[in-house]
Amino acid sequence: MSRHETWRTRRYWETIGGLLIEEFTAIKLNRSNGTGKRLIDGIVVPDAERRIQTGGTYDFRSKDIIVIQTKNTRLGMYLMGQAFFSREIMRRFEPSSIRAVAICGAGDPQMEALCAKFDIDVVVIHDSEE
């Protein structure tokens, strides 16, 4: 995550608490079959102890989780796709529920309406809020 993204993810996490796992490897690199590494900017386990973990592993089975993808730019299809598919990728870990959140530096009414249709929460955190 970049310096433009980390503080936004943490700012959002401060409002909900729990465990924040930054840069979670949801899919490992496997060169032999052409699978690329897939990172999720943040995963929050709201009911866990309040702390930050970087990478590593965690047993998400039967837990409520929030997957977060963050960009410092205006909400667009790239971020929306990351949020949507991060939720889908995390289903393999069998959590009891998954909420998808797209954090961005500026909103876009058309894209926000589309996110709402697919149950992706949009959180706008402007640069001036750093």
C-alpha atoms as a PDB file:
ATOM      1  CA  MET A   1       0.000   0.000   0.000  1.00  0.00           C
ATOM      2  CA  SER A   2       1.175   3.502  -0.672  1.00  0.00           C
ATOM      3  CA  ARG A   3       1.468   6.376   1.752  1.00  0.00           C
ATOM      4  CA  HIS A   4      -1.651   7.819   0.070  1.00  0.00           C
ATOM      5  CA  GLU A   5      -3.672   4.716   0.876  1.00  0.00           C
ATOM      6  CA  THR A   6      -2.505   3.419   4.252  1.00  0.00           C
ATOM      7  CA  TRP A   7      -3.674   6.416   6.266  1.00  0.00           C
ATOM      8  CA  ARG A   8      -7.106   6.269   4.599  1.00  0.00           C
ATOM      9  CA  THR A   9      -7.506   2.587   5.423  1.00  0.00           C
ATOM     10  CA  ARG A  10      -6.444   3.210   9.007  1.00  0.00           C
ATOM     11  CA  ARG A  11      -8.726   6.246   9.340  1.00  0.00           C
ATOM     12  CA  TYR A  12     -11.689   4.085   8.340  1.00  0.00           C
ATOM     13  CA  TRP A  13     -10.569   1.264  10.645  1.00  0.00           C
ATOM     14  CA  GLU A  14     -10.392   3.709  13.594  1.00  0.00           C
ATOM     15  CA  THR A  15     -14.154   4.224  13.254  1.00  0.00           C
ATOM     16  CA  ILE A  16     -14.988   0.515  13.502  1.00  0.00           C
ATOM     17  CA  GLY A  17     -12.162  -1.065  15.523  1.00  0.00           C
ATOM     18  CA  GLY A  18     -11.327  -4.744  15.677  1.00  0.00           C
ATOM     19  CA  LEU A  19      -8.378  -6.405  14.006  1.00  0.00           C
ATOM     20  CA  LEU A  20      -7.016  -4.722  10.869  1.00  0.00           C
ATOM     21  CA  ILE A  21      -4.921  -6.963   8.650  1.00  0.00           C
ATOM     22  CA  GLU A  22      -3.050  -4.833   6.133  1.00  0.00           C
ATOM     23  CA  GLU A  23      -1.790  -6.212   2.818  1.00  0.00           C
ATOM     24  CA  PHE A  24      -3.412  -9.620   3.265  1.00  0.00           C
ATOM     25  CA  THR A  25      -2.300 -12.156   0.650  1.00  0.00           C
ATOM     26  CA  ALA A  26      -5.599 -13.634  -0.493  1.00  0.00           C
ATOM     27  CA  ILE A  27      -4.016 -15.588  -3.343  1.00  0.00           C
ATOM     28  CA  LYS A  28      -0.380 -16.645  -3.373  1.00  0.00           C
ATOM     29  CA  LEU A  29       1.870 -16.364  -6.396  1.00  0.00           C
ATOM     30  CA  ASN A  30       2.210 -19.658  -8.248  1.00  0.00           C
ATOM     31  CA  ARG A  31       4.419 -19.320 -11.308  1.00  0.00           C
ATOM     32  CA  SER A  32       3.973 -22.962 -12.282  1.00  0.00           C
ATOM     33  CA  ASN A  33       0.290 -22.452 -13.101  1.00  0.00           C
ATOM     34  CA  GLY A  34       0.366 -18.718 -13.925  1.00  0.00           C
ATOM     35  CA  THR A  35      -1.480 -17.520 -10.833  1.00  0.00           C
ATOM     36  CA  GLY A  36      -0.618 -14.002  -9.753  1.00  0.00           C
ATOM     37  CA  LYS A  37      -0.377 -12.815  -6.168  1.00  0.00           C
ATOM     38  CA  ARG A  38      -3.499 -10.979  -4.996  1.00  0.00           C
ATOM     39  CA  LEU A  39      -3.339  -8.608  -2.043  1.00  0.00           C
ATOM     40  CA  ILE A  40      -6.231  -7.016  -0.213  1.00  0.00           C
ATOM     41  CA  ASP A  41      -5.400  -3.580   1.206  1.00  0.00           C
ATOM     42  CA  GLY A  42      -7.172  -4.313   4.459  1.00  0.00           C
ATOM     43  CA  ILE A  43      -9.370  -6.871   6.141  1.00  0.00           C
ATOM     44  CA  VAL A  44     -11.131  -5.976   9.354  1.00  0.00           C
ATOM     45  CA  VAL A  45     -12.420  -8.541  11.823  1.00  0.00           C
ATOM     46  CA  PRO A  46     -14.667  -6.250  13.905  1.00  0.00           C
ATOM     47  CA  ASP A  47     -15.168  -8.639  16.823  1.00  0.00           C
ATOM     48  CA  ALA A  48     -11.452  -9.356  17.323  1.00  0.00           C
ATOM     49  CA  GLU A  49      -8.979  -7.595  19.606  1.00  0.00           C
ATOM     50  CA  ARG A  50      -8.224  -4.040  18.433  1.00  0.00           C
ATOM     51  CA  ARG A  51      -4.808  -4.130  16.756  1.00  0.00           C
ATOM     52  CA  ILE A  52      -3.037  -3.965  13.408  1.00  0.00           C
ATOM     53  CA  GLN A  53      -1.399  -6.956  11.756  1.00  0.00           C
ATOM     54  CA  THR A  54       0.647  -6.708   8.580  1.00  0.00           C
ATOM     55  CA  GLY A  55       0.247  -9.672   6.272  1.00  0.00           C
ATOM     56  CA  GLY A  56       0.419 -13.101   7.840  1.00  0.00           C
ATOM     57  CA  THR A  57      -2.399 -15.565   8.250  1.00  0.00           C
ATOM     58  CA  TYR A  58      -5.705 -15.583  10.095  1.00  0.00           C
ATOM     59  CA  ASP A  59      -8.562 -18.077  10.467  1.00  0.00           C
ATOM     60  CA  PHE A  60     -11.592 -16.224   9.041  1.00  0.00           C
ATOM     61  CA  ARG A  61     -13.889 -19.254   9.263  1.00  0.00           C
ATOM     62  CA  SER A  62     -17.275 -18.287  10.766  1.00  0.00           C
ATOM     63  CA  LYS A  63     -16.167 -14.683  11.399  1.00  0.00           C
ATOM     64  CA  ASP A  64     -17.736 -11.469  10.123  1.00  0.00           C
ATOM     65  CA  ILE A  65     -15.188  -9.605   8.004  1.00  0.00           C
ATOM     66  CA  ILE A  66     -14.881  -6.378   6.068  1.00  0.00           C
ATOM     67  CA  VAL A  67     -12.673  -6.326   2.965  1.00  0.00           C
ATOM     68  CA  ILE A  68     -11.201  -2.943   2.083  1.00  0.00           C
ATOM     69  CA  GLN A  69      -9.636  -1.700  -1.124  1.00  0.00           C
ATOM     70  CA  THR A  70      -8.248   1.828  -1.094  1.00  0.00           C
ATOM     71  CA  LYS A  71      -7.182   4.355  -3.717  1.00  0.00           C
ATOM     72  CA  ASN A  72      -6.371   8.046  -3.303  1.00  0.00           C
ATOM     73  CA  THR A  73      -8.129   8.908  -6.574  1.00  0.00           C
ATOM     74  CA  ARG A  74     -11.757   9.403  -7.613  1.00  0.00           C
ATOM     75  CA  LEU A  75     -13.956   6.311  -7.362  1.00  0.00           C
ATOM     76  CA  GLY A  76     -13.658   4.384 -10.613  1.00  0.00           C
ATOM     77  CA  MET A  77     -14.149   0.976 -12.109  1.00  0.00           C
ATOM     78  CA  TYR A  78     -10.687  -0.294 -11.168  1.00  0.00           C
ATOM     79  CA  LEU A  79     -11.308   0.251  -7.440  1.00  0.00           C
ATOM     80  CA  MET A  80     -14.871  -0.996  -7.753  1.00  0.00           C
ATOM     81  CA  GLY A  81     -13.648  -4.209  -9.370  1.00  0.00           C
ATOM     82  CA  GLN A  82     -11.039  -4.680  -6.667  1.00  0.00           C
ATOM     83  CA  ALA A  83     -13.671  -4.305  -3.938  1.00  0.00           C
ATOM     84  CA  PHE A  84     -16.147  -6.634  -5.662  1.00  0.00           C
ATOM     85  CA  PHE A  85     -13.666  -9.386  -6.454  1.00  0.00           C
ATOM     86  CA  SER A  86     -11.880  -9.136  -3.104  1.00  0.00           C
ATOM     87  CA  ARG A  87     -15.187 -10.085  -1.517  1.00  0.00           C
ATOM     88  CA  GLU A  88     -15.524 -13.016  -3.924  1.00  0.00           C
ATOM     89  CA  ILE A  89     -11.942 -14.206  -3.348  1.00  0.00           C
ATOM     90  CA  MET A  90     -12.433 -14.145   0.437  1.00  0.00           C
ATOM     91  CA  ARG A  91     -15.419 -16.527   0.255  1.00  0.00           C
ATOM     92  CA  ARG A  92     -12.907 -19.412   0.065  1.00  0.00           C
ATOM     93  CA  PHE A  93     -11.954 -18.664   3.694  1.00  0.00           C
ATOM     94  CA  GLU A  94     -15.566 -19.387   4.785  1.00  0.00           C
ATOM     95  CA  PRO A  95     -16.344 -16.289   6.860  1.00  0.00           C
ATOM     96  CA  SER A  96     -19.907 -15.977   8.132  1.00  0.00           C
ATOM     97  CA  SER A  97     -20.310 -12.623   6.358  1.00  0.00           C
ATOM     98  CA  ILE A  98     -18.266 -10.351   4.107  1.00  0.00           C
ATOM     99  CA  ARG A  99     -18.783  -6.642   3.656  1.00  0.00           C
ATOM    100  CA  ALA A 100     -16.938  -4.914   0.785  1.00  0.00           C
ATOM    101  CA  VAL A 101     -15.692  -1.331   1.208  1.00  0.00           C
ATOM    102  CA  ALA A 102     -14.095   0.897  -1.422  1.00  0.00           C
ATOM    103  CA  ILE A 103     -12.226   3.847   0.080  1.00  0.00           C
ATOM    104  CA  CYS A 104     -11.343   6.673  -2.295  1.00  0.00           C
ATOM    105  CA  GLY A 105     -10.129  10.256  -2.355  1.00  0.00           C
ATOM    106  CA  ALA A 106     -13.152  11.599  -4.243  1.00  0.00           C
ATOM    107  CA  GLY A 107     -16.615  10.328  -4.986  1.00  0.00           C
ATOM    108  CA  ASP A 108     -18.552   9.918  -8.220  1.00  0.00           C
ATOM    109  CA  PRO A 109     -22.361   9.813  -8.001  1.00  0.00           C
ATOM    110  CA  GLN A 110     -22.770   7.470 -10.984  1.00  0.00           C
ATOM    111  CA  MET A 111     -20.209   4.988  -9.706  1.00  0.00           C
ATOM    112  CA  GLU A 112     -21.506   5.200  -6.127  1.00  0.00           C
ATOM    113  CA  ALA A 113     -24.994   4.263  -7.356  1.00  0.00           C
ATOM    114  CA  LEU A 114     -23.539   1.256  -9.139  1.00  0.00           C
ATOM    115  CA  CYS A 115     -21.617   0.225  -6.007  1.00  0.00           C
ATOM    116  CA  ALA A 116     -24.830   0.415  -3.980  1.00  0.00           C
ATOM    117  CA  LYS A 117     -26.481  -1.950  -6.460  1.00  0.00           C
ATOM    118  CA  PHE A 118     -23.753  -4.522  -5.763  1.00  0.00           C
ATOM    119  CA  ASP A 119     -23.545  -3.966  -1.981  1.00  0.00           C
ATOM    120  CA  ILE A 120     -20.183  -2.215  -2.020  1.00  0.00           C
ATOM    121  CA  ASP A 121     -19.912   0.546   0.563  1.00  0.00           C
ATOM    122  CA  VAL A 122     -18.094   3.647  -0.651  1.00  0.00           C
ATOM    123  CA  VAL A 123     -16.161   5.788   1.827  1.00  0.00           C
ATOM    124  CA  VAL A 124     -14.726   9.078   0.582  1.00  0.00           C
ATOM    125  CA  ILE A 125     -11.760  10.423   2.545  1.00  0.00           C
ATOM    126  CA  HIS A 126     -10.325  13.573   0.994  1.00  0.00           C
ATOM    127  CA  ASP A 127      -6.629  14.455   1.031  1.00  0.00           C
ATOM    128  CA  SER A 128      -7.461  17.389   3.318  1.00  0.00           C
ATOM    129  CA  GLU A 129      -8.501  14.928   6.040  1.00  0.00           C
ATOM    130  CA  GLU A 130      -4.980  13.529   6.452  1.00  0.00           C
END
